[in-house]
């Protein structure tokens, strides 16, 4: 049985009371990997920077607490959930959480689970074309993603009360290069590119802030967005470049159906451009910075990495990086920045 909004709210009230009564042991994962509080079942999902649980009561819920108890990330979660709901919550192609509660003290976010599949896993499966209707599903999903993101950027408030997003790709790349040991020729080229293409991470648009494909869920023909802890003011290119970079990195794999990658990128960007214009050079520089960060991080790990279980090829990643540095995104994906 699907709960009504009033029933979701009542269940959220009950769960929030349980969370607040047990905040410290929940935050430190002291209660174990699976346990019950009252009639709610908690299953530990992750413990890194945040402690994350899947919670089952009358319905399924997602619970995230900051490990150190700080509330900064929850300020972003609150403003992101509110702004995104106002901007696209009523769009028929969007499906957000029916109820989201954000607390600053104790610091946590509780959201009703969205019954979807992360788009990164969907893409890795559908890109091979093995599932029925795979091509149509990919096209529809990336077109919808582009339209929803453009609507968000055009409609969400980004006034003086909106705090800045924590996404800082250019600053983070500079810091990684400063710390890098034994830089190779490609990293020296990245450094020279950074000097020649200075970019600020500041901006006045509202952004999701962590627009990775695993933070986008597909529910049939609809999409839902999750994880707003980086949201705030910035440039549209921080959001716009994230899925493009993620898709583009599949070109560095030992084997992957690149035709579907190119079509997905172009579909996404064309759908976005139909609602919201963007500057191709600015997008290209943001994508280059993101791929460069990935390159520098993998250099430190001696290029030991995989995507979807497929190993990354150092040779292919280097070729991709050099092409972006020298010729930009339009050379790698024709029609992507026209």
Foldseek 3Di string as FASTA:
>chain_A
DDDDLVVVVVVVVVVVVQCLVVVVCQLQVVVDQWDDDPQKIWGWDDDDQWTWTWIDHVAIKIKIAGNVQAALLLVQVVLLVVQLCVQCVPPPQADEFSDWDADRVRGMIMTGDDPFAQQLVLCQVLQVVPDPPSLVLLLLVLLQLLQSLLSSQVRGAQDPVWDAFPAWLLVLLVVLLVPFDPDDPLSVLVVVLCVVDPDGFFARTKDLRQQASRQWGDDPSHIYGDRSSRTTGGDSLNNLLRHLLVLLQVQQFPDGNCVSSLSSLLSNQVSNCVRHNDALVVNQVSSLSVLSSVLSVCVVVVQADDRPPTGGHPVRSSVVNVCSSPPTDCVVRPNNRD
